[in-house]
Amino acid sequence: MMTMTTTRRRTTTITMTMMMMMMTLMMMITTMTTITMLLVIVTVMLLLLLLTMLLLMMRWRRRSRTRTRTRATTTTTTTTTMMMMMMMMMMMMTMMMTMMMTMMMMMMMMMMMMMMMMMMMMMMMMMMMMMMMMMMMMMI
């Protein structure tokens, strides 16, 4: 049973990674501009996070100096956990953003396709009308 569970977990992780890779590939193929924009946003967010973390660490250190050593250790652990949580949140946010962007792009592509189809239909109709008119004129 244990082996089965481990294998399942491994397979799930692999599939997830594959899905992520596929998503990234799709993004690359679909829109380059959006990718650049997202990358810029992510980098900025990460930088901000790092700055905030540094500030927090400094504050904790200052506080720990005044307080006991045990408390300092606890604070450090809490900060690390906070960092981990923040990183996870950021990853989730980025994923959501990418998903949203992909959805938006897909919608836009669909809209464009529909518009093109409509235009083609209109052109065909116009051509048919013109042909009909020409035929009528010829008949007369």
C-alpha atoms as a PDB file:
ATOM      1  CA  MET A   1       0.000   0.000   0.000  1.00  0.00           C
ATOM      2  CA  MET A   2       2.755   2.404   0.909  1.00  0.00           C
ATOM      3  CA  THR A   3       4.582   1.761  -2.319  1.00  0.00           C
ATOM      4  CA  MET A   4       1.385   2.315  -4.270  1.00  0.00           C
ATOM      5  CA  THR A   5       0.788   5.645  -2.573  1.00  0.00           C
ATOM      6  CA  THR A   6       4.340   6.798  -3.214  1.00  0.00           C
ATOM      7  CA  THR A   7       4.157   5.845  -6.871  1.00  0.00           C
ATOM      8  CA  ARG A   8       0.853   7.647  -7.214  1.00  0.00           C
ATOM      9  CA  ARG A   9       2.303  10.757  -5.657  1.00  0.00           C
ATOM     10  CA  ARG A  10       5.304  10.609  -7.938  1.00  0.00           C
ATOM     11  CA  THR A  11       3.144  10.169 -11.004  1.00  0.00           C
ATOM     12  CA  THR A  12       0.903  13.034  -9.954  1.00  0.00           C
ATOM     13  CA  THR A  13       3.882  15.305  -9.479  1.00  0.00           C
ATOM     14  CA  ILE A  14       5.278  14.329 -12.856  1.00  0.00           C
ATOM     15  CA  THR A  15       1.938  14.965 -14.527  1.00  0.00           C
ATOM     16  CA  MET A  16       1.665  18.324 -12.810  1.00  0.00           C
ATOM     17  CA  THR A  17       5.116  19.314 -13.990  1.00  0.00           C
ATOM     18  CA  MET A  18       4.251  18.184 -17.506  1.00  0.00           C
ATOM     19  CA  MET A  19       1.080  20.228 -17.407  1.00  0.00           C
ATOM     20  CA  MET A  20       3.035  23.247 -16.260  1.00  0.00           C
ATOM     21  CA  MET A  21       5.517  22.760 -19.070  1.00  0.00           C
ATOM     22  CA  MET A  22       2.718  22.453 -21.575  1.00  0.00           C
ATOM     23  CA  MET A  23       1.081  25.596 -20.239  1.00  0.00           C
ATOM     24  CA  THR A  24       4.322  27.505 -20.505  1.00  0.00           C
ATOM     25  CA  LEU A  25       4.851  26.245 -24.033  1.00  0.00           C
ATOM     26  CA  MET A  26       1.346  27.281 -24.988  1.00  0.00           C
ATOM     27  CA  MET A  27       1.960  30.703 -23.536  1.00  0.00           C
ATOM     28  CA  MET A  28       5.199  30.998 -25.482  1.00  0.00           C
ATOM     29  CA  ILE A  29       3.506  30.018 -28.705  1.00  0.00           C
ATOM     30  CA  THR A  30       0.428  32.189 -28.213  1.00  0.00           C
ATOM     31  CA  THR A  31       1.763  35.492 -26.897  1.00  0.00           C
ATOM     32  CA  MET A  32       5.268  36.758 -26.374  1.00  0.00           C
ATOM     33  CA  THR A  33       4.302  40.244 -25.245  1.00  0.00           C
ATOM     34  CA  THR A  34       2.108  38.950 -22.449  1.00  0.00           C
ATOM     35  CA  ILE A  35       4.905  36.683 -21.279  1.00  0.00           C
ATOM     36  CA  THR A  36       7.314  39.590 -21.091  1.00  0.00           C
ATOM     37  CA  MET A  37       4.775  41.640 -19.180  1.00  0.00           C
ATOM     38  CA  LEU A  38       4.156  38.814 -16.736  1.00  0.00           C
ATOM     39  CA  LEU A  39       7.850  38.261 -16.240  1.00  0.00           C
ATOM     40  CA  VAL A  40       8.353  41.926 -15.458  1.00  0.00           C
ATOM     41  CA  ILE A  41       5.479  41.865 -12.979  1.00  0.00           C
ATOM     42  CA  VAL A  42       6.776  38.715 -11.301  1.00  0.00           C
ATOM     43  CA  THR A  43      10.294  40.092 -11.010  1.00  0.00           C
ATOM     44  CA  VAL A  44       9.029  43.315  -9.473  1.00  0.00           C
ATOM     45  CA  MET A  45       6.865  41.406  -7.005  1.00  0.00           C
ATOM     46  CA  LEU A  46       9.723  39.142  -6.033  1.00  0.00           C
ATOM     47  CA  LEU A  47      12.010  42.114  -5.477  1.00  0.00           C
ATOM     48  CA  LEU A  48       9.404  43.767  -3.292  1.00  0.00           C
ATOM     49  CA  LEU A  49       8.992  40.564  -1.328  1.00  0.00           C
ATOM     50  CA  LEU A  50      12.708  40.277  -0.761  1.00  0.00           C
ATOM     51  CA  LEU A  51      12.904  43.857   0.451  1.00  0.00           C
ATOM     52  CA  THR A  52      10.010  43.360   2.841  1.00  0.00           C
ATOM     53  CA  MET A  53      11.550  40.157   4.152  1.00  0.00           C
ATOM     54  CA  LEU A  54      14.844  41.876   4.771  1.00  0.00           C
ATOM     55  CA  LEU A  55      13.102  44.630   6.658  1.00  0.00           C
ATOM     56  CA  LEU A  56      11.191  42.091   8.726  1.00  0.00           C
ATOM     57  CA  MET A  57      14.343  40.167   9.515  1.00  0.00           C
ATOM     58  CA  MET A  58      16.078  43.337  10.636  1.00  0.00           C
ATOM     59  CA  ARG A  59      13.157  44.232  12.874  1.00  0.00           C
ATOM     60  CA  TRP A  60      13.029  40.745  14.352  1.00  0.00           C
ATOM     61  CA  ARG A  61      16.725  40.819  15.025  1.00  0.00           C
ATOM     62  CA  ARG A  62      16.430  44.151  16.791  1.00  0.00           C
ATOM     63  CA  ARG A  63      13.559  42.845  18.876  1.00  0.00           C
ATOM     64  CA  SER A  64      15.332  39.577  19.647  1.00  0.00           C
ATOM     65  CA  ARG A  65      18.377  41.452  20.918  1.00  0.00           C
ATOM     66  CA  THR A  66      16.233  43.152  23.523  1.00  0.00           C
ATOM     67  CA  ARG A  67      14.423  39.922  24.372  1.00  0.00           C
ATOM     68  CA  THR A  68      15.627  36.447  25.304  1.00  0.00           C
ATOM     69  CA  ARG A  69      17.425  34.019  22.999  1.00  0.00           C
ATOM     70  CA  THR A  70      14.623  31.474  22.960  1.00  0.00           C
ATOM     71  CA  ARG A  71      12.219  34.056  21.632  1.00  0.00           C
ATOM     72  CA  ALA A  72      14.746  34.984  18.952  1.00  0.00           C
ATOM     73  CA  THR A  73      14.873  31.413  17.713  1.00  0.00           C
ATOM     74  CA  THR A  74      11.095  31.239  17.595  1.00  0.00           C
ATOM     75  CA  THR A  75      10.935  34.519  15.695  1.00  0.00           C
ATOM     76  CA  THR A  76      13.448  33.264  13.140  1.00  0.00           C
ATOM     77  CA  THR A  77      11.417  30.129  12.589  1.00  0.00           C
ATOM     78  CA  THR A  78       8.274  32.192  12.173  1.00  0.00           C
ATOM     79  CA  THR A  79      10.002  34.442   9.666  1.00  0.00           C
ATOM     80  CA  THR A  80      11.148  31.430   7.656  1.00  0.00           C
ATOM     81  CA  THR A  81       7.637  30.028   7.670  1.00  0.00           C
ATOM     82  CA  MET A  82       6.315  33.417   6.636  1.00  0.00           C
ATOM     83  CA  MET A  83       8.780  33.505   3.786  1.00  0.00           C
ATOM     84  CA  MET A  84       7.732  30.053   2.649  1.00  0.00           C
ATOM     85  CA  MET A  85       4.078  30.992   2.817  1.00  0.00           C
ATOM     86  CA  MET A  86       4.667  34.200   0.912  1.00  0.00           C
ATOM     87  CA  MET A  87       6.593  32.363  -1.768  1.00  0.00           C
ATOM     88  CA  MET A  88       3.801  29.837  -2.112  1.00  0.00           C
ATOM     89  CA  MET A  89       1.256  32.621  -2.350  1.00  0.00           C
ATOM     90  CA  MET A  90       3.329  34.329  -5.006  1.00  0.00           C
ATOM     91  CA  MET A  91       3.571  31.126  -6.990  1.00  0.00           C
ATOM     92  CA  MET A  92      -0.175  30.678  -6.788  1.00  0.00           C
ATOM     93  CA  MET A  93      -0.742  34.276  -7.835  1.00  0.00           C
ATOM     94  CA  THR A  94       1.567  33.921 -10.799  1.00  0.00           C
ATOM     95  CA  MET A  95      -0.182  30.716 -11.819  1.00  0.00           C
ATOM     96  CA  MET A  96      -3.545  32.407 -11.593  1.00  0.00           C
ATOM     97  CA  MET A  97      -2.280  35.356 -13.608  1.00  0.00           C
ATOM     98  CA  THR A  98      -0.895  33.089 -16.292  1.00  0.00           C
ATOM     99  CA  MET A  99      -4.139  31.143 -16.424  1.00  0.00           C
ATOM    100  CA  MET A 100      -6.152  34.339 -16.677  1.00  0.00           C
ATOM    101  CA  MET A 101      -3.897  35.688 -19.398  1.00  0.00           C
ATOM    102  CA  THR A 102      -4.109  32.458 -21.351  1.00  0.00           C
ATOM    103  CA  MET A 103      -7.889  32.458 -21.028  1.00  0.00           C
ATOM    104  CA  MET A 104      -8.058  36.071 -22.142  1.00  0.00           C
ATOM    105  CA  MET A 105      -5.788  35.382 -25.081  1.00  0.00           C
ATOM    106  CA  MET A 106      -7.805  32.345 -26.082  1.00  0.00           C
ATOM    107  CA  MET A 107     -10.972  34.407 -25.904  1.00  0.00           C
ATOM    108  CA  MET A 108      -9.376  37.117 -27.995  1.00  0.00           C
ATOM    109  CA  MET A 109      -8.218  34.579 -30.549  1.00  0.00           C
ATOM    110  CA  MET A 110     -11.684  33.077 -30.683  1.00  0.00           C
ATOM    111  CA  MET A 111     -13.213  36.511 -31.126  1.00  0.00           C
ATOM    112  CA  MET A 112     -10.779  37.305 -33.891  1.00  0.00           C
ATOM    113  CA  MET A 113     -11.547  34.039 -35.614  1.00  0.00           C
ATOM    114  CA  MET A 114     -15.261  34.718 -35.346  1.00  0.00           C
ATOM    115  CA  MET A 115     -14.783  38.194 -36.741  1.00  0.00           C
ATOM    116  CA  MET A 116     -12.752  36.835 -39.613  1.00  0.00           C
ATOM    117  CA  MET A 117     -15.415  34.251 -40.325  1.00  0.00           C
ATOM    118  CA  MET A 118     -18.099  36.902 -40.252  1.00  0.00           C
ATOM    119  CA  MET A 119     -16.117  39.082 -42.606  1.00  0.00           C
ATOM    120  CA  MET A 120     -15.589  36.183 -44.959  1.00  0.00           C
ATOM    121  CA  MET A 121     -19.289  35.402 -44.896  1.00  0.00           C
ATOM    122  CA  MET A 122     -20.119  39.019 -45.602  1.00  0.00           C
ATOM    123  CA  MET A 123     -17.688  39.102 -48.485  1.00  0.00           C
ATOM    124  CA  MET A 124     -19.148  35.927 -49.893  1.00  0.00           C
ATOM    125  CA  MET A 125     -22.632  37.349 -49.601  1.00  0.00           C
ATOM    126  CA  MET A 126     -21.563  40.525 -51.320  1.00  0.00           C
ATOM    127  CA  MET A 127     -19.933  38.545 -54.095  1.00  0.00           C
ATOM    128  CA  MET A 128     -23.061  36.466 -54.499  1.00  0.00           C
ATOM    129  CA  MET A 129     -25.173  39.582 -54.644  1.00  0.00           C
ATOM    130  CA  MET A 130     -22.894  41.090 -57.233  1.00  0.00           C
ATOM    131  CA  MET A 131     -23.000  37.931 -59.282  1.00  0.00           C
ATOM    132  CA  MET A 132     -26.768  37.871 -59.065  1.00  0.00           C
ATOM    133  CA  MET A 133     -26.933  41.477 -60.155  1.00  0.00           C
ATOM    134  CA  MET A 134     -24.629  40.782 -63.056  1.00  0.00           C
ATOM    135  CA  MET A 135     -26.705  37.800 -64.053  1.00  0.00           C
ATOM    136  CA  MET A 136     -29.866  39.869 -63.913  1.00  0.00           C
ATOM    137  CA  MET A 137     -28.263  42.555 -66.032  1.00  0.00           C
ATOM    138  CA  MET A 138     -27.133  39.964 -68.526  1.00  0.00           C
ATOM    139  CA  MET A 139     -30.614  38.514 -68.641  1.00  0.00           C
ATOM    140  CA  ILE A 140     -32.074  41.920 -69.305  1.00  0.00           C
END
